[in-house]
Amino acid sequence: MFSNDSEFMLALHRSHAAELQAEAAQERLARALPRRRSRGWLGRRRRPVRTDDARR
């Protein structure tokens, strides 16, 4: 597969660079997506509480 050490090192470098690029792309995607909202009791979604409703 490899005829000498330089080809092996180049292949190793390329595979490592590809892994780093994949990790960076995954992190960019994770930052771009909105975070999931917290859920309340028994996994139900919480509704936003309005201060006006509490005064009435």
C-alpha atoms as a PDB file:
ATOM      1  CA  MET A   1       0.000   0.000   0.000  1.00  0.00           C
ATOM      2  CA  PHE A   2       2.745   2.457   0.962  1.00  0.00           C
ATOM      3  CA  SER A   3       6.026   2.340  -0.900  1.00  0.00           C
ATOM      4  CA  ASN A   4       7.888   4.533   1.571  1.00  0.00           C
ATOM      5  CA  ASP A   5       7.561   6.425   4.829  1.00  0.00           C
ATOM      6  CA  SER A   6       6.788   9.780   3.201  1.00  0.00           C
ATOM      7  CA  GLU A   7       3.679   8.380   1.505  1.00  0.00           C
ATOM      8  CA  PHE A   8       2.558   6.892   4.810  1.00  0.00           C
ATOM      9  CA  MET A   9       3.070  10.205   6.619  1.00  0.00           C
ATOM     10  CA  LEU A  10       1.194  12.083   3.897  1.00  0.00           C
ATOM     11  CA  ALA A  11      -1.736   9.653   4.077  1.00  0.00           C
ATOM     12  CA  LEU A  12      -1.757   9.940   7.873  1.00  0.00           C
ATOM     13  CA  HIS A  13      -1.725  13.730   7.645  1.00  0.00           C
ATOM     14  CA  ARG A  14      -4.595  13.766   5.137  1.00  0.00           C
ATOM     15  CA  SER A  15      -6.774  11.458   7.216  1.00  0.00           C
ATOM     16  CA  HIS A  16      -6.114  13.503  10.356  1.00  0.00           C
ATOM     17  CA  ALA A  17      -6.895  16.745   8.496  1.00  0.00           C
ATOM     18  CA  ALA A  18     -10.150  15.224   7.240  1.00  0.00           C
ATOM     19  CA  GLU A  19     -11.109  14.270  10.806  1.00  0.00           C
ATOM     20  CA  LEU A  20     -10.416  17.808  12.027  1.00  0.00           C
ATOM     21  CA  GLN A  21     -12.491  19.308   9.216  1.00  0.00           C
ATOM     22  CA  ALA A  22     -15.377  16.959  10.022  1.00  0.00           C
ATOM     23  CA  GLU A  23     -15.255  17.948  13.701  1.00  0.00           C
ATOM     24  CA  ALA A  24     -15.231  21.634  12.799  1.00  0.00           C
ATOM     25  CA  ALA A  25     -18.213  21.179  10.490  1.00  0.00           C
ATOM     26  CA  GLN A  26     -20.102  19.316  13.216  1.00  0.00           C
ATOM     27  CA  GLU A  27     -19.426  22.098  15.730  1.00  0.00           C
ATOM     28  CA  ARG A  28     -20.541  24.771  13.241  1.00  0.00           C
ATOM     29  CA  LEU A  29     -23.773  22.867  12.632  1.00  0.00           C
ATOM     30  CA  ALA A  30     -24.393  22.483  16.363  1.00  0.00           C
ATOM     31  CA  ARG A  31     -23.968  26.233  16.870  1.00  0.00           C
ATOM     32  CA  ALA A  32     -26.255  27.033  13.931  1.00  0.00           C
ATOM     33  CA  LEU A  33     -29.182  24.921  15.140  1.00  0.00           C
ATOM     34  CA  PRO A  34     -31.478  26.376  17.828  1.00  0.00           C
ATOM     35  CA  ARG A  35     -31.229  24.835  21.258  1.00  0.00           C
ATOM     36  CA  ARG A  36     -34.067  22.630  22.443  1.00  0.00           C
ATOM     37  CA  ARG A  37     -36.426  24.214  24.924  1.00  0.00           C
ATOM     38  CA  SER A  38     -36.651  22.824  28.417  1.00  0.00           C
ATOM     39  CA  ARG A  39     -39.574  20.586  29.203  1.00  0.00           C
ATOM     40  CA  GLY A  40     -41.650  20.620  32.310  1.00  0.00           C
ATOM     41  CA  TRP A  41     -43.282  17.932  34.374  1.00  0.00           C
ATOM     42  CA  LEU A  42     -43.615  14.588  32.570  1.00  0.00           C
ATOM     43  CA  GLY A  43     -41.928  15.927  29.480  1.00  0.00           C
ATOM     44  CA  ARG A  44     -44.596  18.453  28.592  1.00  0.00           C
ATOM     45  CA  ARG A  45     -43.517  21.676  26.982  1.00  0.00           C
ATOM     46  CA  ARG A  46     -43.597  24.680  29.260  1.00  0.00           C
ATOM     47  CA  ARG A  47     -45.659  27.620  28.165  1.00  0.00           C
ATOM     48  CA  PRO A  48     -44.159  31.083  28.607  1.00  0.00           C
ATOM     49  CA  VAL A  49     -45.543  32.758  31.715  1.00  0.00           C
ATOM     50  CA  ARG A  50     -46.926  36.252  31.260  1.00  0.00           C
ATOM     51  CA  THR A  51     -46.850  38.685  34.154  1.00  0.00           C
ATOM     52  CA  ASP A  52     -50.165  40.256  33.033  1.00  0.00           C
ATOM     53  CA  ASP A  53     -52.021  36.946  33.509  1.00  0.00           C
ATOM     54  CA  ALA A  54     -50.878  36.631  37.119  1.00  0.00           C
ATOM     55  CA  ARG A  55     -52.240  40.072  38.052  1.00  0.00           C
ATOM     56  CA  ARG A  56     -55.788  39.388  36.794  1.00  0.00           C
END
